[in-house]
Amino acid sequence: MPPTVLIVDDHAGFRGFTRRLLEADGYTVVGEADDARSALAAAEALLPELVLVDVMLPDADGFAVAERLATIADGPVVVLTSSREAADFGARLAVSPARGFIHKDQLSGAALSEVTRDQP
């Protein structure tokens, strides 16, 4: 069964598109957030199994969100996303506690499954 998902992105249109896309692929989207602060609060309140986080947020970057979520015991799996290429983030992506990265143009339920498939 696909995990529950929290979508974090500062663009409402992208959040809506992503919700429809993931729900069509069988995911259960439990919430949305438009900045780091509300993402952390939503993750605590909704307990999603997976958090899809845009790298560029207005109040902090997605890397900071991933680091904070990684401190939660049995916390969610974090997948970063961006319209920029993964190579643009260099070593930050390699050392991030995020499970992986998906370019926004490549986002799909199958891509999300591929990135998180080894997760229990």
C-alpha atoms as a PDB file:
ATOM      1  CA  MET A   1       0.000   0.000   0.000  1.00  0.00           C
ATOM      2  CA  PRO A   2       1.469   3.395  -0.975  1.00  0.00           C
ATOM      3  CA  PRO A   3       2.401   5.684   1.901  1.00  0.00           C
ATOM      4  CA  THR A   4       0.612   8.775   3.098  1.00  0.00           C
ATOM      5  CA  VAL A   5       2.143  11.965   1.706  1.00  0.00           C
ATOM      6  CA  LEU A   6       2.587  15.587   2.772  1.00  0.00           C
ATOM      7  CA  ILE A   7       3.332  17.939  -0.138  1.00  0.00           C
ATOM      8  CA  VAL A   8       5.495  20.987   0.630  1.00  0.00           C
ATOM      9  CA  ASP A   9       5.834  23.671  -2.042  1.00  0.00           C
ATOM     10  CA  ASP A  10       5.265  27.416  -2.057  1.00  0.00           C
ATOM     11  CA  HIS A  11       3.300  27.299  -5.329  1.00  0.00           C
ATOM     12  CA  ALA A  12      -0.350  26.378  -4.804  1.00  0.00           C
ATOM     13  CA  GLY A  13      -0.723  25.324  -8.441  1.00  0.00           C
ATOM     14  CA  PHE A  14       2.124  22.844  -8.161  1.00  0.00           C
ATOM     15  CA  ARG A  15       0.741  21.462  -4.889  1.00  0.00           C
ATOM     16  CA  GLY A  16      -2.653  20.927  -6.504  1.00  0.00           C
ATOM     17  CA  PHE A  17      -1.146  19.307  -9.591  1.00  0.00           C
ATOM     18  CA  THR A  18       1.024  17.038  -7.432  1.00  0.00           C
ATOM     19  CA  ARG A  19      -1.927  16.060  -5.242  1.00  0.00           C
ATOM     20  CA  ARG A  20      -3.994  15.052  -8.281  1.00  0.00           C
ATOM     21  CA  LEU A  21      -1.061  13.214  -9.839  1.00  0.00           C
ATOM     22  CA  LEU A  22      -0.181  11.223  -6.719  1.00  0.00           C
ATOM     23  CA  GLU A  23      -3.780  10.460  -5.777  1.00  0.00           C
ATOM     24  CA  ALA A  24      -4.385   9.155  -9.326  1.00  0.00           C
ATOM     25  CA  ASP A  25      -1.442   6.795  -8.723  1.00  0.00           C
ATOM     26  CA  GLY A  26      -2.977   5.527  -5.471  1.00  0.00           C
ATOM     27  CA  TYR A  27      -1.135   7.672  -2.902  1.00  0.00           C
ATOM     28  CA  THR A  28      -3.035   9.224  -0.016  1.00  0.00           C
ATOM     29  CA  VAL A  29      -2.177  12.907   0.289  1.00  0.00           C
ATOM     30  CA  VAL A  30      -2.845  13.872   3.898  1.00  0.00           C
ATOM     31  CA  GLY A  31      -1.868  17.515   3.651  1.00  0.00           C
ATOM     32  CA  GLU A  32      -0.074  20.391   2.002  1.00  0.00           C
ATOM     33  CA  ALA A  33       2.221  23.129   3.278  1.00  0.00           C
ATOM     34  CA  ASP A  34       3.611  26.245   1.624  1.00  0.00           C
ATOM     35  CA  ASP A  35       6.695  26.917   3.752  1.00  0.00           C
ATOM     36  CA  ALA A  36       9.133  25.188   6.094  1.00  0.00           C
ATOM     37  CA  ARG A  37       7.429  26.261   9.302  1.00  0.00           C
ATOM     38  CA  SER A  38       4.017  24.981   8.260  1.00  0.00           C
ATOM     39  CA  ALA A  39       5.631  21.827   6.824  1.00  0.00           C
ATOM     40  CA  LEU A  40       7.171  20.933  10.170  1.00  0.00           C
ATOM     41  CA  ALA A  41       3.906  21.620  11.995  1.00  0.00           C
ATOM     42  CA  ALA A  42       1.912  19.578   9.460  1.00  0.00           C
ATOM     43  CA  ALA A  43       4.378  16.681   9.656  1.00  0.00           C
ATOM     44  CA  GLU A  44       4.001  16.641  13.435  1.00  0.00           C
ATOM     45  CA  ALA A  45       0.201  16.835  13.323  1.00  0.00           C
ATOM     46  CA  LEU A  46      -0.508  14.557  10.344  1.00  0.00           C
ATOM     47  CA  LEU A  47       2.301  11.979  10.737  1.00  0.00           C
ATOM     48  CA  PRO A  48       2.770  11.310   7.016  1.00  0.00           C
ATOM     49  CA  GLU A  49       4.982   8.431   5.992  1.00  0.00           C
ATOM     50  CA  LEU A  50       6.478  10.494   3.160  1.00  0.00           C
ATOM     51  CA  VAL A  51       7.137  14.217   2.773  1.00  0.00           C
ATOM     52  CA  LEU A  52       7.763  15.630  -0.706  1.00  0.00           C
ATOM     53  CA  VAL A  53       9.644  18.912  -0.192  1.00  0.00           C
ATOM     54  CA  ASP A  54      10.559  21.628  -2.674  1.00  0.00           C
ATOM     55  CA  VAL A  55      14.189  22.671  -2.236  1.00  0.00           C
ATOM     56  CA  MET A  56      13.366  26.377  -2.537  1.00  0.00           C
ATOM     57  CA  LEU A  57      10.927  27.544   0.145  1.00  0.00           C
ATOM     58  CA  PRO A  58      10.345  31.148   1.279  1.00  0.00           C
ATOM     59  CA  ASP A  59      11.472  30.741   4.909  1.00  0.00           C
ATOM     60  CA  ALA A  60      14.074  27.945   4.723  1.00  0.00           C
ATOM     61  CA  ASP A  61      15.281  25.496   2.133  1.00  0.00           C
ATOM     62  CA  GLY A  62      14.147  21.930   1.719  1.00  0.00           C
ATOM     63  CA  PHE A  63      17.488  20.678   3.014  1.00  0.00           C
ATOM     64  CA  ALA A  64      16.782  22.312   6.382  1.00  0.00           C
ATOM     65  CA  VAL A  65      13.321  20.744   6.450  1.00  0.00           C
ATOM     66  CA  ALA A  66      14.824  17.322   5.694  1.00  0.00           C
ATOM     67  CA  GLU A  67      17.362  17.772   8.499  1.00  0.00           C
ATOM     68  CA  ARG A  68      14.664  18.697  11.023  1.00  0.00           C
ATOM     69  CA  LEU A  69      12.408  15.817   9.990  1.00  0.00           C
ATOM     70  CA  ALA A  70      15.344  13.401  10.277  1.00  0.00           C
ATOM     71  CA  THR A  71      15.526  14.158  14.005  1.00  0.00           C
ATOM     72  CA  ILE A  72      12.047  12.740  14.610  1.00  0.00           C
ATOM     73  CA  ALA A  73      12.021   9.157  15.858  1.00  0.00           C
ATOM     74  CA  ASP A  74      10.269   7.052  13.221  1.00  0.00           C
ATOM     75  CA  GLY A  75       9.938  10.240  11.176  1.00  0.00           C
ATOM     76  CA  PRO A  76       8.821  10.413   7.579  1.00  0.00           C
ATOM     77  CA  VAL A  77      10.862   9.605   4.516  1.00  0.00           C
ATOM     78  CA  VAL A  78      11.788  12.872   2.791  1.00  0.00           C
ATOM     79  CA  VAL A  79      12.108  13.287  -0.972  1.00  0.00           C
ATOM     80  CA  LEU A  80      13.330  16.610  -2.310  1.00  0.00           C
ATOM     81  CA  THR A  81      12.062  18.134  -5.536  1.00  0.00           C
ATOM     82  CA  SER A  82      12.965  21.142  -7.644  1.00  0.00           C
ATOM     83  CA  SER A  83      12.738  22.581 -11.132  1.00  0.00           C
ATOM     84  CA  ARG A  84      16.543  22.820 -10.985  1.00  0.00           C
ATOM     85  CA  GLU A  85      18.735  19.835 -11.789  1.00  0.00           C
ATOM     86  CA  ALA A  86      20.078  17.634  -8.984  1.00  0.00           C
ATOM     87  CA  ALA A  87      23.633  18.509 -10.050  1.00  0.00           C
ATOM     88  CA  ASP A  88      22.923  22.159  -9.176  1.00  0.00           C
ATOM     89  CA  PHE A  89      22.817  21.175  -5.500  1.00  0.00           C
ATOM     90  CA  GLY A  90      26.102  19.256  -5.544  1.00  0.00           C
ATOM     91  CA  ALA A  91      27.332  17.899  -2.239  1.00  0.00           C
ATOM     92  CA  ARG A  92      24.340  19.252  -0.306  1.00  0.00           C
ATOM     93  CA  LEU A  93      22.148  16.651  -1.937  1.00  0.00           C
ATOM     94  CA  ALA A  94      24.668  13.870  -1.311  1.00  0.00           C
ATOM     95  CA  VAL A  95      24.885  14.567   2.446  1.00  0.00           C
ATOM     96  CA  SER A  96      21.210  15.373   2.975  1.00  0.00           C
ATOM     97  CA  PRO A  97      19.167  12.969   5.091  1.00  0.00           C
ATOM     98  CA  ALA A  98      16.553  13.078   2.301  1.00  0.00           C
ATOM     99  CA  ARG A  99      15.921   9.687   0.706  1.00  0.00           C
ATOM    100  CA  GLY A 100      16.281  11.100  -2.787  1.00  0.00           C
ATOM    101  CA  PHE A 101      15.546  13.804  -5.327  1.00  0.00           C
ATOM    102  CA  ILE A 102      13.039  14.015  -8.177  1.00  0.00           C
ATOM    103  CA  HIS A 103      13.067  16.814 -10.753  1.00  0.00           C
ATOM    104  CA  LYS A 104       9.604  18.402 -10.917  1.00  0.00           C
ATOM    105  CA  ASP A 105       9.303  17.490 -14.607  1.00  0.00           C
ATOM    106  CA  GLN A 106       9.914  13.836 -13.741  1.00  0.00           C
ATOM    107  CA  LEU A 107       7.534  13.653 -10.775  1.00  0.00           C
ATOM    108  CA  SER A 108       5.086  10.761 -10.837  1.00  0.00           C
ATOM    109  CA  GLY A 109       3.830   8.090  -8.521  1.00  0.00           C
ATOM    110  CA  ALA A 110       6.187   5.640 -10.228  1.00  0.00           C
ATOM    111  CA  ALA A 111       9.183   7.954  -9.721  1.00  0.00           C
ATOM    112  CA  LEU A 112       8.279   8.428  -6.070  1.00  0.00           C
ATOM    113  CA  SER A 113       7.916   4.678  -5.653  1.00  0.00           C
ATOM    114  CA  GLU A 114      11.308   4.124  -7.265  1.00  0.00           C
ATOM    115  CA  VAL A 115      13.050   6.564  -4.910  1.00  0.00           C
ATOM    116  CA  THR A 116      11.383   5.136  -1.789  1.00  0.00           C
ATOM    117  CA  ARG A 117      11.056   1.443  -2.688  1.00  0.00           C
ATOM    118  CA  ASP A 118      13.789   0.181  -0.360  1.00  0.00           C
ATOM    119  CA  GLN A 119      12.091   1.887   2.580  1.00  0.00           C
ATOM    120  CA  PRO A 120      10.309  -0.539   4.925  1.00  0.00           C
END
